[in-house]
Amino acid sequence: MDRLRIRHVRLLDVIHRRGSLGAAAKELALSQPAVTLMLRELEAVFGTSLVDRDVRGGRLTAAGLRALERLNAALSGLEHAIDSSRLAGLEPPLRLGCAQVVGISVLPGALAYLERDAGVMPMQIVEGEAIALLKDLVAGRLDCVVAWMDESVSAQHSLDLFDITPLWKGRMQVVAAVGHPLVQVRNVPMDALIAAAWLMPRPGSRTFAAFLKLFVQNGFAPPPVTVECASIHTGMNIVAVTAMLTMTPDAVAGHYARQGKIAILQGKAIDLGDTHASLICLRENRDLSALVRLKKALLETVKIGSRQPVTPAAIRRHGHTTGI
């Protein structure tokens, strides 16, 4: 390992992008024999073949792709370390990715906890869908992610990359405006759900996957989506004044139900089971001091939210409420 240089670390990425050792040599401003030697040295360190070479060029093996995933994170981490060292002694920001629901459930309380404990640390917050956020985490563009960990997410990545801390359980709910006729139905039938107009985020999101599951597990094809909307908050406000239905995490449903804007529909067919919201980071980053502080704040906030009813008194007493 001591023989490796930054160029070795970059080599797999360049070969993967350019498709041959010759093209990689041009980008790195090296001779092709020098690149071939670098690859041999890299493969000696990893103890396996990383690139398949033939007349059409060079393609990364399965082992090479796994190695590239880690090396890209290492390169991004190195760049972040260099940037952090230039901050003249200031604490570098923790780069946090989170699902939209986190912003109205546990995150405000966690920041309030940090503020009371030792002051809020510098932080960059990026909202997005779990699959995209984890991709950025693996690439080193984020330090940690708070998002749902379910089969649609875990299928995209090797879980041995991650350190995962479960925070709370939640489930998807079907919601409608408070005056919607289905609000009064104790067990909403599937034919009513099929006939309804739906507002949903785009395909590929976790919420859309839950929408498909709702119908498929009950033996039906899902109905067409009437309105596509990526924003939870915009979507909930539209549903509150229309006859459309939507699906949303229970923390979001509870937040808007307490405001009197929407109601949660009831029915056996609607129950999709629990999913864990988790704090996720790369294993090698789990001891970052800022990450350790955030984890403690999140766990304490979840603990308060799980034992404390959501009332004005609770908000005054703790300065926040998770709505979990």
Protein backbone atom coordinates (compact mmCIF):
# COMPACT_ATOMS: atom_id res chain seq x y z
CA MET A 1 0.00 0.00 0.00
CA ASP A 2 2.85 2.38 0.71
CA ARG A 3 3.73 2.29 -3.01
CA LEU A 4 0.37 3.73 -4.03
CA ARG A 5 0.02 7.34 -5.10
CA ILE A 6 -2.96 9.53 -5.89
CA ARG A 7 -2.67 8.57 -9.55
CA HIS A 8 -3.15 4.92 -8.61
CA VAL A 9 -6.35 5.86 -6.82
CA ARG A 10 -7.61 7.84 -9.83
CA LEU A 11 -6.62 5.17 -12.34
CA LEU A 12 -9.69 2.93 -12.10
CA ASP A 13 -12.04 5.88 -12.48
CA VAL A 14 -10.23 7.07 -15.61
CA ILE A 15 -10.20 3.58 -17.16
CA HIS A 16 -13.89 3.17 -16.33
CA ARG A 17 -14.78 6.50 -17.97
CA ARG A 18 -12.47 6.26 -20.98
CA GLY A 19 -12.81 2.54 -21.73
CA SER A 20 -9.16 1.68 -22.41
CA LEU A 21 -5.69 1.92 -20.93
CA GLY A 22 -4.51 3.97 -23.91
CA ALA A 23 -7.18 6.62 -23.42
CA ALA A 24 -6.48 6.60 -19.68
CA ALA A 25 -2.79 7.19 -20.39
CA LYS A 26 -3.65 10.27 -22.45
CA GLU A 27 -5.84 11.76 -19.73
CA LEU A 28 -3.19 11.13 -17.08
CA ALA A 29 -0.39 12.42 -19.38
CA LEU A 30 1.52 9.13 -19.05
CA SER A 31 2.78 6.49 -21.45
CA GLN A 32 0.67 3.37 -21.89
CA PRO A 33 3.42 1.13 -20.40
CA ALA A 34 3.45 3.38 -17.32
CA VAL A 35 -0.33 3.02 -16.95
CA THR A 36 -0.06 -0.75 -17.41
CA LEU A 37 2.56 -0.86 -14.64
CA MET A 38 0.35 1.27 -12.36
CA LEU A 39 -2.55 -1.11 -12.93
CA ARG A 40 -0.36 -4.12 -12.07
CA GLU A 41 0.74 -2.39 -8.87
CA LEU A 42 -2.86 -1.58 -7.98
CA GLU A 43 -4.01 -5.15 -8.66
CA ALA A 44 -1.12 -6.46 -6.53
CA VAL A 45 -2.34 -4.38 -3.59
CA PHE A 46 -5.96 -5.55 -4.05
CA GLY A 47 -4.88 -9.13 -4.74
CA THR A 48 -7.29 -9.58 -7.65
CA SER A 49 -7.91 -8.62 -11.28
CA LEU A 50 -9.54 -5.19 -11.52
CA VAL A 51 -9.68 -4.68 -15.30
CA ASP A 52 -10.55 -7.04 -18.17
CA ARG A 53 -8.52 -6.10 -21.24
CA ASP A 54 -9.29 -7.17 -24.82
CA VAL A 55 -9.13 -5.74 -28.34
CA ARG A 56 -12.10 -3.45 -27.58
CA GLY A 57 -10.39 -1.78 -24.63
CA GLY A 58 -10.60 -2.24 -20.89
CA ARG A 59 -13.60 -2.83 -18.65
CA LEU A 60 -13.66 -3.03 -14.88
CA THR A 61 -14.33 -6.46 -13.39
CA ALA A 62 -16.91 -6.90 -10.63
CA ALA A 63 -14.04 -6.54 -8.15
CA GLY A 64 -12.88 -3.43 -9.99
CA LEU A 65 -16.31 -1.83 -9.74
CA ARG A 66 -16.44 -2.55 -6.00
CA ALA A 67 -12.95 -1.10 -5.59
CA LEU A 68 -13.89 1.98 -7.63
CA GLU A 69 -16.84 2.64 -5.34
CA ARG A 70 -14.50 2.84 -2.35
CA LEU A 71 -11.71 4.69 -4.16
CA ASN A 72 -14.06 7.42 -5.36
CA ALA A 73 -15.21 7.93 -1.78
CA ALA A 74 -11.56 8.06 -0.67
CA LEU A 75 -10.73 10.67 -3.31
CA SER A 76 -13.72 12.79 -2.38
CA GLY A 77 -12.77 12.45 1.28
CA LEU A 78 -9.24 13.60 0.50
CA GLU A 79 -10.54 16.63 -1.41
CA HIS A 80 -12.88 17.44 1.50
CA ALA A 81 -9.98 17.11 3.94
CA ILE A 82 -7.89 19.57 1.90
CA ASP A 83 -10.80 22.03 1.76
CA SER A 84 -11.35 21.67 5.52
CA SER A 85 -7.70 22.38 6.27
CA ARG A 86 -8.03 25.73 4.48
CA LEU A 87 -10.76 26.98 6.80
CA ALA A 88 -8.26 28.64 9.15
CA GLY A 89 -9.18 26.57 12.19
CA LEU A 90 -12.94 26.70 11.63
CA GLU A 91 -14.92 23.49 12.02
CA PRO A 92 -15.77 22.10 8.55
CA PRO A 93 -19.49 21.69 7.86
CA LEU A 94 -21.07 18.26 8.25
CA ARG A 95 -22.67 17.37 4.93
CA LEU A 96 -26.05 15.85 5.78
CA GLY A 97 -28.46 14.37 3.28
CA CYS A 98 -32.02 13.75 4.43
CA ALA A 99 -35.44 12.75 3.19
CA GLN A 100 -38.00 15.56 3.18
CA VAL A 101 -39.88 14.04 6.13
CA VAL A 102 -36.81 14.49 8.35
CA GLY A 103 -37.10 18.26 8.05
CA ILE A 104 -40.51 18.32 9.74
CA SER A 105 -39.95 15.49 12.20
CA VAL A 106 -36.64 14.83 13.91
CA LEU A 107 -34.10 17.26 12.42
CA PRO A 108 -35.39 20.55 13.93
CA GLY A 109 -35.43 18.92 17.36
CA ALA A 110 -31.93 17.52 16.89
CA LEU A 111 -30.56 20.96 15.98
CA ALA A 112 -32.34 22.46 18.99
CA TYR A 113 -30.71 19.79 21.16
CA LEU A 114 -27.27 20.59 19.71
CA GLU A 115 -27.83 24.31 20.24
CA ARG A 116 -28.62 23.79 23.92
CA ASP A 117 -25.81 21.26 24.38
CA ALA A 118 -22.79 23.01 22.86
CA GLY A 119 -24.01 25.16 19.99
CA VAL A 120 -25.14 24.14 16.52
CA MET A 121 -22.21 22.94 14.46
CA PRO A 122 -21.66 24.02 10.84
CA MET A 123 -23.82 21.89 8.58
CA GLN A 124 -24.86 21.62 4.93
CA ILE A 125 -28.32 20.03 4.56
CA VAL A 126 -29.36 18.47 1.26
CA GLU A 127 -32.87 17.08 0.80
CA GLY A 128 -33.55 14.29 -1.65
CA GLU A 129 -34.68 10.72 -2.18
CA ALA A 130 -32.91 7.94 -0.32
CA ILE A 131 -31.44 6.20 -3.38
CA ALA A 132 -29.89 9.41 -4.74
CA LEU A 133 -28.64 10.47 -1.30
CA LEU A 134 -26.92 7.13 -0.71
CA LYS A 135 -25.28 7.38 -4.12
CA ASP A 136 -23.82 10.74 -3.05
CA LEU A 137 -22.79 9.21 0.29
CA VAL A 138 -20.89 6.39 -1.41
CA ALA A 139 -19.25 8.90 -3.78
CA GLY A 140 -18.06 10.95 -0.79
CA ARG A 141 -20.21 13.99 -1.53
CA LEU A 142 -22.11 13.57 1.75
CA ASP A 143 -20.92 12.60 5.23
CA CYS A 144 -24.17 11.01 6.39
CA VAL A 145 -27.79 10.45 5.41
CA VAL A 146 -31.03 10.24 7.39
CA ALA A 147 -33.50 8.31 5.26
CA TRP A 148 -35.68 5.23 5.04
CA MET A 149 -33.86 1.92 4.75
CA ASP A 150 -36.07 -0.57 2.91
CA GLU A 151 -35.68 -3.18 0.18
CA SER A 152 -35.85 -0.62 -2.63
CA VAL A 153 -32.85 1.18 -1.12
CA SER A 154 -30.80 -1.77 0.11
CA ALA A 155 -30.96 -3.42 -3.33
CA GLN A 156 -28.98 -0.52 -4.82
CA HIS A 157 -25.85 -0.79 -2.64
CA SER A 158 -23.74 -3.25 -0.70
CA LEU A 159 -24.84 -2.78 2.89
CA ASP A 160 -21.38 -3.69 4.19
CA LEU A 161 -20.30 -0.21 3.07
CA PHE A 162 -22.47 1.43 5.70
CA ASP A 163 -22.76 2.00 9.41
CA ILE A 164 -26.53 2.08 10.02
CA THR A 165 -28.21 3.40 13.18
CA PRO A 166 -32.00 2.83 13.25
CA LEU A 167 -33.79 5.92 14.57
CA TRP A 168 -37.53 5.31 14.44
CA LYS A 169 -40.15 3.17 12.74
CA GLY A 170 -42.65 4.69 10.38
CA ARG A 171 -45.16 3.65 7.77
CA MET A 172 -46.76 5.12 4.71
CA GLN A 173 -50.29 6.49 5.04
CA VAL A 174 -52.98 7.26 2.48
CA VAL A 175 -54.39 10.74 3.14
CA ALA A 176 -57.15 12.98 1.83
CA ALA A 177 -58.68 16.38 2.55
CA VAL A 178 -60.64 16.46 5.82
CA GLY A 179 -63.94 16.77 3.92
CA HIS A 180 -63.27 13.86 1.54
CA PRO A 181 -66.06 11.21 1.60
CA LEU A 182 -63.55 8.38 2.22
CA VAL A 183 -62.49 9.93 5.56
CA GLN A 184 -65.74 8.65 7.10
CA VAL A 185 -65.23 5.08 5.82
CA ARG A 186 -63.85 2.72 8.48
CA ASN A 187 -62.37 0.27 6.01
CA VAL A 188 -61.70 1.95 2.66
CA PRO A 189 -62.19 -0.62 -0.14
CA MET A 190 -59.72 -1.09 -2.97
CA ASP A 191 -62.25 -0.15 -5.65
CA ALA A 192 -62.55 3.31 -4.06
CA LEU A 193 -58.76 3.71 -4.12
CA ILE A 194 -58.60 2.59 -7.75
CA ALA A 195 -61.32 5.05 -8.76
CA ALA A 196 -59.72 8.00 -6.96
CA ALA A 197 -57.51 10.68 -8.51
CA TRP A 198 -53.95 10.47 -7.12
CA LEU A 199 -51.17 12.97 -6.55
CA MET A 200 -47.78 11.26 -6.27
CA PRO A 201 -44.05 11.96 -6.67
CA ARG A 202 -42.27 10.69 -9.75
CA PRO A 203 -41.59 6.99 -10.40
CA GLY A 204 -38.38 5.78 -8.77
CA SER A 205 -39.06 7.44 -5.44
CA ARG A 206 -39.70 5.45 -2.27
CA THR A 207 -43.20 6.91 -1.98
CA PHE A 208 -44.06 5.88 -5.54
CA ALA A 209 -42.76 2.38 -4.79
CA ALA A 210 -45.16 2.25 -1.82
CA PHE A 211 -47.98 3.41 -4.12
CA LEU A 212 -47.27 0.50 -6.47
CA LYS A 213 -47.04 -1.93 -3.56
CA LEU A 214 -50.43 -0.81 -2.21
CA PHE A 215 -52.19 -2.04 -5.33
CA VAL A 216 -49.97 -4.92 -6.40
CA GLN A 217 -50.07 -6.65 -3.01
CA ASN A 218 -53.86 -6.50 -3.17
CA GLY A 219 -53.93 -7.98 -6.67
CA PHE A 220 -54.67 -4.84 -8.70
CA ALA A 221 -52.88 -2.74 -11.29
CA PRO A 222 -52.21 0.76 -9.94
CA PRO A 223 -54.38 3.56 -11.36
CA PRO A 224 -52.78 6.37 -13.37
CA VAL A 225 -51.37 9.32 -11.43
CA THR A 226 -53.27 12.54 -12.09
CA VAL A 227 -50.71 15.02 -10.72
CA GLU A 228 -46.98 14.38 -10.29
CA CYS A 229 -45.35 16.49 -7.58
CA ALA A 230 -41.91 15.98 -6.05
CA SER A 231 -42.45 18.26 -3.03
CA ILE A 232 -44.13 16.71 0.01
CA HIS A 233 -45.30 20.09 1.26
CA THR A 234 -46.71 21.32 -2.03
CA GLY A 235 -48.43 17.98 -2.53
CA MET A 236 -50.03 17.97 0.91
CA ASN A 237 -51.39 21.48 0.45
CA ILE A 238 -52.88 20.53 -2.92
CA VAL A 239 -54.51 17.40 -1.47
CA ALA A 240 -55.93 19.52 1.38
CA VAL A 241 -58.10 21.52 -1.05
CA THR A 242 -58.89 18.92 -3.73
CA ALA A 243 -60.50 15.48 -3.99
CA MET A 244 -57.14 13.80 -4.74
CA LEU A 245 -55.47 11.19 -2.54
CA THR A 246 -51.78 10.79 -1.87
CA MET A 247 -49.37 8.63 0.13
CA THR A 248 -46.96 10.09 2.64
CA PRO A 249 -44.94 9.01 5.70
CA ASP A 250 -46.89 9.01 8.95
CA ALA A 251 -44.76 11.83 10.40
CA VAL A 252 -45.83 14.09 7.53
CA ALA A 253 -49.44 12.91 7.73
CA GLY A 254 -49.50 13.64 11.47
CA HIS A 255 -47.96 17.09 10.96
CA TYR A 256 -50.65 18.20 8.49
CA ALA A 257 -53.46 16.36 10.31
CA ARG A 258 -52.69 18.35 13.46
CA GLN A 259 -53.09 21.50 11.38
CA GLY A 260 -56.55 20.30 10.33
CA LYS A 261 -55.60 20.17 6.64
CA ILE A 262 -55.80 16.44 5.90
CA ALA A 263 -57.08 13.20 7.39
CA ILE A 264 -55.58 9.71 7.35
CA LEU A 265 -57.69 7.04 5.65
CA GLN A 266 -58.36 3.72 7.40
CA GLY A 267 -58.39 0.19 5.99
CA LYS A 268 -56.71 -3.21 6.15
CA ALA A 269 -55.58 -2.96 2.53
CA ILE A 270 -53.79 0.32 3.24
CA ASP A 271 -51.46 -1.15 5.90
CA LEU A 272 -48.04 -1.58 4.26
CA GLY A 273 -46.11 -2.31 7.46
CA ASP A 274 -43.25 -0.51 9.18
CA THR A 275 -40.01 0.81 7.71
CA HIS A 276 -37.00 2.07 9.66
CA ALA A 277 -35.69 5.59 9.28
CA SER A 278 -31.96 5.40 9.92
CA LEU A 279 -28.79 7.46 10.19
CA ILE A 280 -26.43 6.06 7.58
CA CYS A 281 -22.75 6.80 7.01
CA LEU A 282 -19.75 5.02 5.53
CA ARG A 283 -18.12 2.71 8.08
CA GLU A 284 -14.82 4.56 7.86
CA ASN A 285 -16.50 7.87 8.76
CA ARG A 286 -18.57 6.75 11.76
CA ASP A 287 -16.12 8.24 14.29
CA LEU A 288 -16.13 11.78 12.85
CA SER A 289 -16.70 14.04 15.86
CA ALA A 290 -19.48 16.04 14.18
CA LEU A 291 -21.21 12.83 13.13
CA VAL A 292 -21.01 11.42 16.66
CA ARG A 293 -22.61 14.61 18.01
CA LEU A 294 -25.39 14.51 15.44
CA LYS A 295 -26.13 10.85 16.16
CA LYS A 296 -26.48 11.58 19.88
CA ALA A 297 -28.80 14.53 19.15
CA LEU A 298 -30.97 12.48 16.81
CA LEU A 299 -31.30 9.58 19.25
CA GLU A 300 -32.17 11.92 22.13
CA THR A 301 -34.74 13.73 20.00
CA VAL A 302 -36.36 10.46 18.93
CA LYS A 303 -36.43 9.32 22.57
CA ILE A 304 -38.27 12.50 23.62
CA GLY A 305 -40.70 12.22 20.71
CA SER A 306 -41.51 8.56 21.41
CA ARG A 307 -42.46 9.13 25.05
CA GLN A 308 -43.97 12.61 24.86
CA PRO A 309 -47.41 13.35 23.40
CA VAL A 310 -47.47 16.12 20.85
CA THR A 311 -49.04 19.00 22.77
CA PRO A 312 -48.32 22.72 23.13
CA ALA A 313 -47.00 21.97 26.63
CA ALA A 314 -44.52 19.43 25.25
CA ILE A 315 -43.32 21.93 22.68
CA ARG A 316 -42.79 24.57 25.38
CA ARG A 317 -41.05 22.08 27.67
CA HIS A 318 -38.60 20.65 25.14
CA GLY A 319 -38.42 23.47 22.63
CA HIS A 320 -39.48 21.14 19.81
CA THR A 321 -41.49 18.08 18.94
CA THR A 322 -40.56 15.32 16.54
CA GLY A 323 -44.06 14.29 15.60
CA ILE A 324 -42.84 10.68 15.58
